[in-house]
Amino acid sequence: RGLMTTVHAMTASQPTVDGSSKKDWRGGRAASGNIIPSSTGAAKAVAKVIPDVKGKLTGMAFRVPTIDVSVVDLTCELEKEASYEEICAEVKSRSEGDMK
């Protein structure tokens, strides 16, 4: 199981002053002065690339009042214990191999 939290810079579709939003009430907040919780399709996209995680990841997003930023925080419950070094080695190995 895992939770993927993404943080993105404000987008052109967000209003610059408080107002209404067709999508949801939070989307109507002024982009330049608020951290706005939002939905994300990132967890579903990961499952398309790594089918083993399908149905095991959920996600949420935050739009933040900056021009350029993007970050992902991935918190997972693992089936077995693993050290930080082991996780880093596995990610590096996969990035150079079958997931390059």
PDB file of N, CA and C in Angstrom:
ATOM      1  N   ARG A   1       0.842  -1.189   0.000  1.00  0.00           N
ATOM      2  CA  ARG A   1       0.000   0.000   0.000  1.00  0.00           C
ATOM      3  C   ARG A   1       0.872   1.232   0.000  1.00  0.00           C
ATOM      4  N   GLY A   2       0.321   2.289  -0.596  1.00  0.00           N
ATOM      5  CA  GLY A   2       1.101   3.512  -0.617  1.00  0.00           C
ATOM      6  C   GLY A   2       0.265   4.743  -0.883  1.00  0.00           C
ATOM      7  N   LEU A   3       0.809   5.868  -0.477  1.00  0.00           N
ATOM      8  CA  LEU A   3       0.200   7.173  -0.716  1.00  0.00           C
ATOM      9  C   LEU A   3       1.201   8.028  -1.476  1.00  0.00           C
ATOM     10  N   MET A   4       0.783   8.532  -2.623  1.00  0.00           N
ATOM     11  CA  MET A   4       1.618   9.412  -3.430  1.00  0.00           C
ATOM     12  C   MET A   4       1.058  10.827  -3.326  1.00  0.00           C
ATOM     13  N   THR A   5       1.858  11.723  -2.777  1.00  0.00           N
ATOM     14  CA  THR A   5       1.458  13.123  -2.668  1.00  0.00           C
ATOM     15  C   THR A   5       2.307  13.927  -3.639  1.00  0.00           C
ATOM     16  N   THR A   6       1.643  14.643  -4.533  1.00  0.00           N
ATOM     17  CA  THR A   6       2.365  15.464  -5.498  1.00  0.00           C
ATOM     18  C   THR A   6       2.162  16.934  -5.173  1.00  0.00           C
ATOM     19  N   VAL A   7       3.193  17.714  -5.403  1.00  0.00           N
ATOM     20  CA  VAL A   7       3.134  19.162  -5.205  1.00  0.00           C
ATOM     21  C   VAL A   7       3.501  19.801  -6.537  1.00  0.00           C
ATOM     22  N   HIS A   8       2.633  20.673  -7.023  1.00  0.00           N
ATOM     23  CA  HIS A   8       2.834  21.320  -8.315  1.00  0.00           C
ATOM     24  C   HIS A   8       2.727  22.830  -8.165  1.00  0.00           C
ATOM     25  N   ALA A   9       3.405  23.533  -9.050  1.00  0.00           N
ATOM     26  CA  ALA A   9       3.246  24.985  -9.124  1.00  0.00           C
ATOM     27  C   ALA A   9       1.842  25.306  -9.625  1.00  0.00           C
ATOM     28  N   MET A  10       1.419  26.534  -9.384  1.00  0.00           N
ATOM     29  CA  MET A  10       0.111  26.950  -9.886  1.00  0.00           C
ATOM     30  C   MET A  10       0.092  26.845 -11.410  1.00  0.00           C
ATOM     31  N   THR A  11      -1.111  26.686 -11.963  1.00  0.00           N
ATOM     32  CA  THR A  11      -1.252  26.526 -13.406  1.00  0.00           C
ATOM     33  C   THR A  11      -2.069  27.669 -13.998  1.00  0.00           C
ATOM     34  N   ALA A  12      -2.023  27.782 -15.301  1.00  0.00           N
ATOM     35  CA  ALA A  12      -2.758  28.841 -15.998  1.00  0.00           C
ATOM     36  C   ALA A  12      -4.265  28.688 -15.852  1.00  0.00           C
ATOM     37  N   SER A  13      -4.733  27.484 -15.546  1.00  0.00           N
ATOM     38  CA  SER A  13      -6.179  27.277 -15.411  1.00  0.00           C
ATOM     39  C   SER A  13      -6.716  27.736 -14.055  1.00  0.00           C
ATOM     40  N   GLN A  14      -5.832  28.060 -13.119  1.00  0.00           N
ATOM     41  CA  GLN A  14      -6.276  28.517 -11.803  1.00  0.00           C
ATOM     42  C   GLN A  14      -6.515  30.020 -11.814  1.00  0.00           C
ATOM     43  N   PRO A  15      -7.549  30.472 -11.092  1.00  0.00           N
ATOM     44  CA  PRO A  15      -7.824  31.909 -11.050  1.00  0.00           C
ATOM     45  C   PRO A  15      -6.764  32.659 -10.241  1.00  0.00           C
ATOM     46  N   THR A  16      -6.535  33.902 -10.608  1.00  0.00           N
ATOM     47  CA  THR A  16      -5.552  34.708  -9.878  1.00  0.00           C
ATOM     48  C   THR A  16      -6.171  35.412  -8.672  1.00  0.00           C
ATOM     49  N   VAL A  17      -7.488  35.461  -8.613  1.00  0.00           N
ATOM     50  CA  VAL A  17      -8.193  36.004  -7.451  1.00  0.00           C
ATOM     51  C   VAL A  17      -9.284  35.011  -7.061  1.00  0.00           C
ATOM     52  N   ASP A  18      -9.734  35.057  -5.805  1.00  0.00           N
ATOM     53  CA  ASP A  18     -10.795  34.159  -5.374  1.00  0.00           C
ATOM     54  C   ASP A  18     -12.025  34.325  -6.257  1.00  0.00           C
ATOM     55  N   GLY A  19     -12.642  33.229  -6.602  1.00  0.00           N
ATOM     56  CA  GLY A  19     -13.838  33.258  -7.436  1.00  0.00           C
ATOM     57  C   GLY A  19     -14.445  31.870  -7.507  1.00  0.00           C
ATOM     58  N   SER A  20     -15.359  31.669  -8.418  1.00  0.00           N
ATOM     59  CA  SER A  20     -16.015  30.366  -8.535  1.00  0.00           C
ATOM     60  C   SER A  20     -15.188  29.439  -9.422  1.00  0.00           C
ATOM     61  N   SER A  21     -15.439  28.156  -9.256  1.00  0.00           N
ATOM     62  CA  SER A  21     -14.780  27.142 -10.065  1.00  0.00           C
ATOM     63  C   SER A  21     -15.827  26.136 -10.509  1.00  0.00           C
ATOM     64  N   LYS A  22     -15.783  25.742 -11.760  1.00  0.00           N
ATOM     65  CA  LYS A  22     -16.724  24.739 -12.259  1.00  0.00           C
ATOM     66  C   LYS A  22     -16.392  23.354 -11.714  1.00  0.00           C
ATOM     67  N   LYS A  23     -15.115  23.123 -11.407  1.00  0.00           N
ATOM     68  CA  LYS A  23     -14.673  21.800 -10.969  1.00  0.00           C
ATOM     69  C   LYS A  23     -14.981  21.544  -9.494  1.00  0.00           C
ATOM     70  N   ASP A  24     -14.501  22.416  -8.600  1.00  0.00           N
ATOM     71  CA  ASP A  24     -14.753  22.258  -7.165  1.00  0.00           C
ATOM     72  C   ASP A  24     -14.517  23.585  -6.448  1.00  0.00           C
ATOM     73  N   TRP A  25     -15.017  23.711  -5.239  1.00  0.00           N
ATOM     74  CA  TRP A  25     -14.919  24.985  -4.517  1.00  0.00           C
ATOM     75  C   TRP A  25     -13.485  25.353  -4.181  1.00  0.00           C
ATOM     76  N   ARG A  26     -12.620  24.364  -3.973  1.00  0.00           N
ATOM     77  CA  ARG A  26     -11.224  24.673  -3.663  1.00  0.00           C
ATOM     78  C   ARG A  26     -10.506  25.276  -4.855  1.00  0.00           C
ATOM     79  N   GLY A  27     -10.898  24.840  -6.056  1.00  0.00           N
ATOM     80  CA  GLY A  27     -10.273  25.341  -7.273  1.00  0.00           C
ATOM     81  C   GLY A  27     -10.546  26.809  -7.532  1.00  0.00           C
ATOM     82  N   GLY A  28     -11.474  27.389  -6.797  1.00  0.00           N
ATOM     83  CA  GLY A  28     -11.788  28.798  -6.958  1.00  0.00           C
ATOM     84  C   GLY A  28     -10.917  29.726  -6.132  1.00  0.00           C
ATOM     85  N   ARG A  29     -10.044  29.163  -5.322  1.00  0.00           N
ATOM     86  CA  ARG A  29      -9.161  29.999  -4.504  1.00  0.00           C
ATOM     87  C   ARG A  29      -8.071  30.618  -5.358  1.00  0.00           C
ATOM     88  N   ALA A  30      -7.635  31.802  -4.977  1.00  0.00           N
ATOM     89  CA  ALA A  30      -6.594  32.506  -5.730  1.00  0.00           C
ATOM     90  C   ALA A  30      -5.293  31.702  -5.734  1.00  0.00           C
ATOM     91  N   ALA A  31      -4.779  31.434  -6.920  1.00  0.00           N
ATOM     92  CA  ALA A  31      -3.592  30.595  -7.072  1.00  0.00           C
ATOM     93  C   ALA A  31      -2.350  31.199  -6.433  1.00  0.00           C
ATOM     94  N   SER A  32      -2.246  32.517  -6.451  1.00  0.00           N
ATOM     95  CA  SER A  32      -1.012  33.142  -5.977  1.00  0.00           C
ATOM     96  C   SER A  32      -0.941  33.321  -4.470  1.00  0.00           C
ATOM     97  N   GLY A  33      -1.990  32.956  -3.745  1.00  0.00           N
ATOM     98  CA  GLY A  33      -1.966  33.161  -2.303  1.00  0.00           C
ATOM     99  C   GLY A  33      -2.431  31.984  -1.481  1.00  0.00           C
ATOM    100  N   ASN A  34      -2.607  30.816  -2.090  1.00  0.00           N
ATOM    101  CA  ASN A  34      -3.147  29.666  -1.366  1.00  0.00           C
ATOM    102  C   ASN A  34      -2.466  28.371  -1.777  1.00  0.00           C
ATOM    103  N   ILE A  35      -2.365  27.449  -0.830  1.00  0.00           N
ATOM    104  CA  ILE A  35      -2.009  26.072  -1.146  1.00  0.00           C
ATOM    105  C   ILE A  35      -3.342  25.370  -1.348  1.00  0.00           C
ATOM    106  N   ILE A  36      -3.560  24.829  -2.538  1.00  0.00           N
ATOM    107  CA  ILE A  36      -4.866  24.305  -2.905  1.00  0.00           C
ATOM    108  C   ILE A  36      -4.807  22.788  -3.054  1.00  0.00           C
ATOM    109  N   PRO A  37      -5.514  22.044  -2.185  1.00  0.00           N
ATOM    110  CA  PRO A  37      -5.582  20.587  -2.340  1.00  0.00           C
ATOM    111  C   PRO A  37      -6.311  20.249  -3.637  1.00  0.00           C
ATOM    112  N   SER A  38      -5.872  19.201  -4.299  1.00  0.00           N
ATOM    113  CA  SER A  38      -6.457  18.829  -5.578  1.00  0.00           C
ATOM    114  C   SER A  38      -6.352  17.324  -5.769  1.00  0.00           C
ATOM    115  N   SER A  39      -6.982  16.834  -6.808  1.00  0.00           N
ATOM    116  CA  SER A  39      -6.859  15.417  -7.143  1.00  0.00           C
ATOM    117  C   SER A  39      -5.684  15.249  -8.104  1.00  0.00           C
ATOM    118  N   THR A  40      -5.237  14.007  -8.259  1.00  0.00           N
ATOM    119  CA  THR A  40      -4.149  13.723  -9.191  1.00  0.00           C
ATOM    120  C   THR A  40      -4.356  12.343  -9.800  1.00  0.00           C
ATOM    121  N   GLY A  41      -3.929  12.202 -11.012  1.00  0.00           N
ATOM    122  CA  GLY A  41      -3.970  10.903 -11.673  1.00  0.00           C
ATOM    123  C   GLY A  41      -2.624  10.208 -11.626  1.00  0.00           C
ATOM    124  N   ALA A  42      -1.697  10.750 -10.858  1.00  0.00           N
ATOM    125  CA  ALA A  42      -0.330  10.216 -10.822  1.00  0.00           C
ATOM    126  C   ALA A  42      -0.278   8.771 -10.333  1.00  0.00           C
ATOM    127  N   ALA A  43      -1.046   8.435  -9.306  1.00  0.00           N
ATOM    128  CA  ALA A  43      -1.022   7.069  -8.775  1.00  0.00           C
ATOM    129  C   ALA A  43      -1.521   6.076  -9.825  1.00  0.00           C
ATOM    130  N   LYS A  44      -2.549   6.455 -10.564  1.00  0.00           N
ATOM    131  CA  LYS A  44      -3.057   5.583 -11.632  1.00  0.00           C
ATOM    132  C   LYS A  44      -2.033   5.460 -12.754  1.00  0.00           C
ATOM    133  N   ALA A  45      -1.329   6.544 -13.043  1.00  0.00           N
ATOM    134  CA  ALA A  45      -0.307   6.519 -14.091  1.00  0.00           C
ATOM    135  C   ALA A  45       0.845   5.591 -13.711  1.00  0.00           C
ATOM    136  N   VAL A  46       1.238   5.604 -12.438  1.00  0.00           N
ATOM    137  CA  VAL A  46       2.300   4.711 -11.971  1.00  0.00           C
ATOM    138  C   VAL A  46       1.873   3.262 -12.165  1.00  0.00           C
ATOM    139  N   ALA A  47       0.610   2.957 -11.881  1.00  0.00           N
ATOM    140  CA  ALA A  47       0.102   1.589 -12.026  1.00  0.00           C
ATOM    141  C   ALA A  47       0.124   1.126 -13.481  1.00  0.00           C
ATOM    142  N   LYS A  48       0.037   2.047 -14.418  1.00  0.00           N
ATOM    143  CA  LYS A  48       0.134   1.669 -15.830  1.00  0.00           C
ATOM    144  C   LYS A  48       1.557   1.261 -16.188  1.00  0.00           C
ATOM    145  N   VAL A  49       2.529   1.893 -15.530  1.00  0.00           N
ATOM    146  CA  VAL A  49       3.938   1.588 -15.783  1.00  0.00           C
ATOM    147  C   VAL A  49       4.398   0.389 -14.957  1.00  0.00           C
ATOM    148  N   ILE A  50       3.888   0.295 -13.722  1.00  0.00           N
ATOM    149  CA  ILE A  50       4.240  -0.803 -12.814  1.00  0.00           C
ATOM    150  C   ILE A  50       2.938  -1.513 -12.425  1.00  0.00           C
ATOM    151  N   PRO A  51       2.478  -2.463 -13.236  1.00  0.00           N
ATOM    152  CA  PRO A  51       1.180  -3.110 -12.996  1.00  0.00           C
ATOM    153  C   PRO A  51       1.031  -3.754 -11.613  1.00  0.00           C
ATOM    154  N   ASP A  52       2.122  -4.149 -10.984  1.00  0.00           N
ATOM    155  CA  ASP A  52       2.047  -4.782  -9.659  1.00  0.00           C
ATOM    156  C   ASP A  52       1.476  -3.863  -8.588  1.00  0.00           C
ATOM    157  N   VAL A  53       1.488  -2.559  -8.801  1.00  0.00           N
ATOM    158  CA  VAL A  53       0.971  -1.637  -7.781  1.00  0.00           C
ATOM    159  C   VAL A  53      -0.477  -1.218  -8.036  1.00  0.00           C
ATOM    160  N   LYS A  54      -1.086  -1.769  -9.088  1.00  0.00           N
ATOM    161  CA  LYS A  54      -2.474  -1.409  -9.410  1.00  0.00           C
ATOM    162  C   LYS A  54      -3.383  -1.693  -8.213  1.00  0.00           C
ATOM    163  N   GLY A  55      -4.142  -0.682  -7.817  1.00  0.00           N
ATOM    164  CA  GLY A  55      -5.056  -0.809  -6.686  1.00  0.00           C
ATOM    165  C   GLY A  55      -4.395  -0.673  -5.323  1.00  0.00           C
ATOM    166  N   LYS A  56      -3.082  -0.490  -5.304  1.00  0.00           N
ATOM    167  CA  LYS A  56      -2.354  -0.386  -4.038  1.00  0.00           C
ATOM    168  C   LYS A  56      -1.912   1.038  -3.722  1.00  0.00           C
ATOM    169  N   LEU A  57      -1.964   1.926  -4.712  1.00  0.00           N
ATOM    170  CA  LEU A  57      -1.554   3.319  -4.507  1.00  0.00           C
ATOM    171  C   LEU A  57      -2.758   4.244  -4.570  1.00  0.00           C
ATOM    172  N   THR A  58      -2.750   5.227  -3.727  1.00  0.00           N
ATOM    173  CA  THR A  58      -3.722   6.308  -3.812  1.00  0.00           C
ATOM    174  C   THR A  58      -2.933   7.605  -3.884  1.00  0.00           C
ATOM    175  N   GLY A  59      -3.595   8.666  -4.275  1.00  0.00           N
ATOM    176  CA  GLY A  59      -2.841   9.890  -4.436  1.00  0.00           C
ATOM    177  C   GLY A  59      -3.622  11.146  -4.126  1.00  0.00           C
ATOM    178  N   MET A  60      -2.881  12.194  -3.848  1.00  0.00           N
ATOM    179  CA  MET A  60      -3.454  13.519  -3.644  1.00  0.00           C
ATOM    180  C   MET A  60      -2.440  14.540  -4.143  1.00  0.00           C
ATOM    181  N   ALA A  61      -2.916  15.744  -4.425  1.00  0.00           N
ATOM    182  CA  ALA A  61      -2.034  16.773  -4.970  1.00  0.00           C
ATOM    183  C   ALA A  61      -2.255  18.094  -4.263  1.00  0.00           C
ATOM    184  N   PHE A  62      -1.226  18.920  -4.309  1.00  0.00           N
ATOM    185  CA  PHE A  62      -1.313  20.286  -3.804  1.00  0.00           C
ATOM    186  C   PHE A  62      -0.786  21.218  -4.883  1.00  0.00           C
ATOM    187  N   ARG A  63      -1.529  22.266  -5.156  1.00  0.00           N
ATOM    188  CA  ARG A  63      -1.066  23.347  -6.023  1.00  0.00           C
ATOM    189  C   ARG A  63      -0.540  24.435  -5.101  1.00  0.00           C
ATOM    190  N   VAL A  64       0.696  24.853  -5.334  1.00  0.00           N
ATOM    191  CA  VAL A  64       1.314  25.832  -4.444  1.00  0.00           C
ATOM    192  C   VAL A  64       1.626  27.121  -5.197  1.00  0.00           C
ATOM    193  N   PRO A  65       1.633  28.253  -4.481  1.00  0.00           N
ATOM    194  CA  PRO A  65       1.810  29.551  -5.139  1.00  0.00           C
ATOM    195  C   PRO A  65       3.264  29.864  -5.500  1.00  0.00           C
ATOM    196  N   THR A  66       3.797  29.071  -6.419  1.00  0.00           N
ATOM    197  CA  THR A  66       5.129  29.338  -6.962  1.00  0.00           C
ATOM    198  C   THR A  66       5.052  29.212  -8.480  1.00  0.00           C
ATOM    199  N   ILE A  67       6.047  29.719  -9.154  1.00  0.00           N
ATOM    200  CA  ILE A  67       6.051  29.688 -10.616  1.00  0.00           C
ATOM    201  C   ILE A  67       6.467  28.324 -11.147  1.00  0.00           C
ATOM    202  N   ASP A  68       7.439  27.699 -10.500  1.00  0.00           N
ATOM    203  CA  ASP A  68       7.997  26.473 -11.049  1.00  0.00           C
ATOM    204  C   ASP A  68       8.446  25.545  -9.926  1.00  0.00           C
ATOM    205  N   VAL A  69       7.731  24.455  -9.721  1.00  0.00           N
ATOM    206  CA  VAL A  69       8.123  23.448  -8.740  1.00  0.00           C
ATOM    207  C   VAL A  69       7.322  22.175  -8.986  1.00  0.00           C
ATOM    208  N   SER A  70       7.928  21.063  -8.682  1.00  0.00           N
ATOM    209  CA  SER A  70       7.223  19.791  -8.732  1.00  0.00           C
ATOM    210  C   SER A  70       7.971  18.818  -7.835  1.00  0.00           C
ATOM    211  N   VAL A  71       7.232  18.118  -6.996  1.00  0.00           N
ATOM    212  CA  VAL A  71       7.845  17.138  -6.106  1.00  0.00           C
ATOM    213  C   VAL A  71       6.829  16.033  -5.831  1.00  0.00           C
ATOM    214  N   VAL A  72       7.328  14.840  -5.597  1.00  0.00           N
ATOM    215  CA  VAL A  72       6.477  13.706  -5.234  1.00  0.00           C
ATOM    216  C   VAL A  72       6.986  13.135  -3.925  1.00  0.00           C
ATOM    217  N   ASP A  73       6.068  12.926  -2.989  1.00  0.00           N
ATOM    218  CA  ASP A  73       6.380  12.233  -1.742  1.00  0.00           C
ATOM    219  C   ASP A  73       5.650  10.904  -1.806  1.00  0.00           C
ATOM    220  N   LEU A  74       6.391   9.808  -1.792  1.00  0.00           N
ATOM    221  CA  LEU A  74       5.804   8.472  -1.878  1.00  0.00           C
ATOM    222  C   LEU A  74       6.042   7.748  -0.561  1.00  0.00           C
ATOM    223  N   THR A  75       4.957   7.422   0.115  1.00  0.00           N
ATOM    224  CA  THR A  75       5.034   6.706   1.383  1.00  0.00           C
ATOM    225  C   THR A  75       4.419   5.333   1.176  1.00  0.00           C
ATOM    226  N   CYS A  76       5.193   4.280   1.451  1.00  0.00           N
ATOM    227  CA  CYS A  76       4.726   2.916   1.186  1.00  0.00           C
ATOM    228  C   CYS A  76       4.907   2.008   2.394  1.00  0.00           C
ATOM    229  N   GLU A  77       4.015   1.052   2.488  1.00  0.00           N
ATOM    230  CA  GLU A  77       4.154  -0.033   3.455  1.00  0.00           C
ATOM    231  C   GLU A  77       4.725  -1.214   2.683  1.00  0.00           C
ATOM    232  N   LEU A  78       5.915  -1.667   3.056  1.00  0.00           N
ATOM    233  CA  LEU A  78       6.591  -2.734   2.333  1.00  0.00           C
ATOM    234  C   LEU A  78       6.221  -4.102   2.887  1.00  0.00           C
ATOM    235  N   GLU A  79       6.333  -5.127   2.039  1.00  0.00           N
ATOM    236  CA  GLU A  79       6.039  -6.493   2.474  1.00  0.00           C
ATOM    237  C   GLU A  79       7.099  -7.028   3.423  1.00  0.00           C
ATOM    238  N   LYS A  80       8.348  -6.577   3.246  1.00  0.00           N
ATOM    239  CA  LYS A  80       9.428  -7.019   4.127  1.00  0.00           C
ATOM    240  C   LYS A  80      10.306  -5.830   4.465  1.00  0.00           C
ATOM    241  N   GLU A  81      11.067  -5.940   5.528  1.00  0.00           N
ATOM    242  CA  GLU A  81      11.950  -4.849   5.941  1.00  0.00           C
ATOM    243  C   GLU A  81      13.011  -4.593   4.879  1.00  0.00           C
ATOM    244  N   ALA A  82      13.349  -3.322   4.718  1.00  0.00           N
ATOM    245  CA  ALA A  82      14.408  -2.936   3.785  1.00  0.00           C
ATOM    246  C   ALA A  82      15.056  -1.665   4.309  1.00  0.00           C
ATOM    247  N   SER A  83      16.367  -1.612   4.185  1.00  0.00           N
ATOM    248  CA  SER A  83      17.086  -0.410   4.614  1.00  0.00           C
ATOM    249  C   SER A  83      16.985   0.656   3.522  1.00  0.00           C
ATOM    250  N   TYR A  84      17.300   1.860   3.892  1.00  0.00           N
ATOM    251  CA  TYR A  84      17.320   2.971   2.937  1.00  0.00           C
ATOM    252  C   TYR A  84      18.279   2.655   1.789  1.00  0.00           C
ATOM    253  N   GLU A  85      19.439   2.114   2.130  1.00  0.00           N
ATOM    254  CA  GLU A  85      20.443   1.788   1.127  1.00  0.00           C
ATOM    255  C   GLU A  85      19.931   0.732   0.155  1.00  0.00           C
ATOM    256  N   GLU A  86      19.207  -0.270   0.667  1.00  0.00           N
ATOM    257  CA  GLU A  86      18.651  -1.316  -0.199  1.00  0.00           C
ATOM    258  C   GLU A  86      17.601  -0.743  -1.154  1.00  0.00           C
ATOM    259  N   ILE A  87      16.779   0.153  -0.647  1.00  0.00           N
ATOM    260  CA  ILE A  87      15.755   0.782  -1.490  1.00  0.00           C
ATOM    261  C   ILE A  87      16.423   1.618  -2.580  1.00  0.00           C
ATOM    262  N   CYS A  88      17.420   2.415  -2.201  1.00  0.00           N
ATOM    263  CA  CYS A  88      18.141   3.237  -3.187  1.00  0.00           C
ATOM    264  C   CYS A  88      18.798   2.365  -4.253  1.00  0.00           C
ATOM    265  N   ALA A  89      19.409   1.261  -3.843  1.00  0.00           N
ATOM    266  CA  ALA A  89      20.068   0.362  -4.789  1.00  0.00           C
ATOM    267  C   ALA A  89      19.051  -0.248  -5.754  1.00  0.00           C
ATOM    268  N   GLU A  90      17.889  -0.616  -5.260  1.00  0.00           N
ATOM    269  CA  GLU A  90      16.844  -1.193  -6.117  1.00  0.00           C
ATOM    270  C   GLU A  90      16.320  -0.169  -7.119  1.00  0.00           C
ATOM    271  N   VAL A  91      16.082   1.049  -6.659  1.00  0.00           N
ATOM    272  CA  VAL A  91      15.613   2.113  -7.558  1.00  0.00           C
ATOM    273  C   VAL A  91      16.666   2.382  -8.634  1.00  0.00           C
ATOM    274  N   LYS A  92      17.934   2.472  -8.227  1.00  0.00           N
ATOM    275  CA  LYS A  92      19.022   2.719  -9.186  1.00  0.00           C
ATOM    276  C   LYS A  92      19.119   1.577 -10.193  1.00  0.00           C
ATOM    277  N   SER A  93      19.049   0.353  -9.714  1.00  0.00           N
ATOM    278  CA  SER A  93      19.134  -0.811 -10.589  1.00  0.00           C
ATOM    279  C   SER A  93      18.006  -0.810 -11.620  1.00  0.00           C
ATOM    280  N   ARG A  94      16.789  -0.557 -11.161  1.00  0.00           N
ATOM    281  CA  ARG A  94      15.630  -0.534 -12.072  1.00  0.00           C
ATOM    282  C   ARG A  94      15.733   0.612 -13.067  1.00  0.00           C
ATOM    283  N   SER A  95      16.239   1.766 -12.607  1.00  0.00           N
ATOM    284  CA  SER A  95      16.326   2.926 -13.503  1.00  0.00           C
ATOM    285  C   SER A  95      17.356   2.714 -14.608  1.00  0.00           C
ATOM    286  N   GLU A  96      18.293   1.813 -14.373  1.00  0.00           N
ATOM    287  CA  GLU A  96      19.317   1.524 -15.374  1.00  0.00           C
ATOM    288  C   GLU A  96      18.989   0.270 -16.178  1.00  0.00           C
ATOM    289  N   GLY A  97      17.944  -0.434 -15.759  1.00  0.00           N
ATOM    290  CA  GLY A  97      17.594  -1.691 -16.418  1.00  0.00           C
ATOM    291  C   GLY A  97      16.239  -1.659 -17.084  1.00  0.00           C
ATOM    292  N   ASP A  98      15.327  -2.503 -16.597  1.00  0.00           N
ATOM    293  CA  ASP A  98      14.035  -2.695 -17.256  1.00  0.00           C
ATOM    294  C   ASP A  98      13.100  -1.488 -17.200  1.00  0.00           C
ATOM    295  N   MET A  99      13.390  -0.502 -16.362  1.00  0.00           N
ATOM    296  CA  MET A  99      12.517   0.672 -16.281  1.00  0.00           C
ATOM    297  C   MET A  99      13.195   1.939 -16.804  1.00  0.00           C
ATOM    298  N   LYS A 100      14.268   1.749 -17.567  1.00  0.00           N
ATOM    299  CA  LYS A 100      15.014   2.905 -18.096  1.00  0.00           C
ATOM    300  C   LYS A 100      14.159   3.699 -19.057  1.00  0.00           C
TER     301      LYS A 100
END
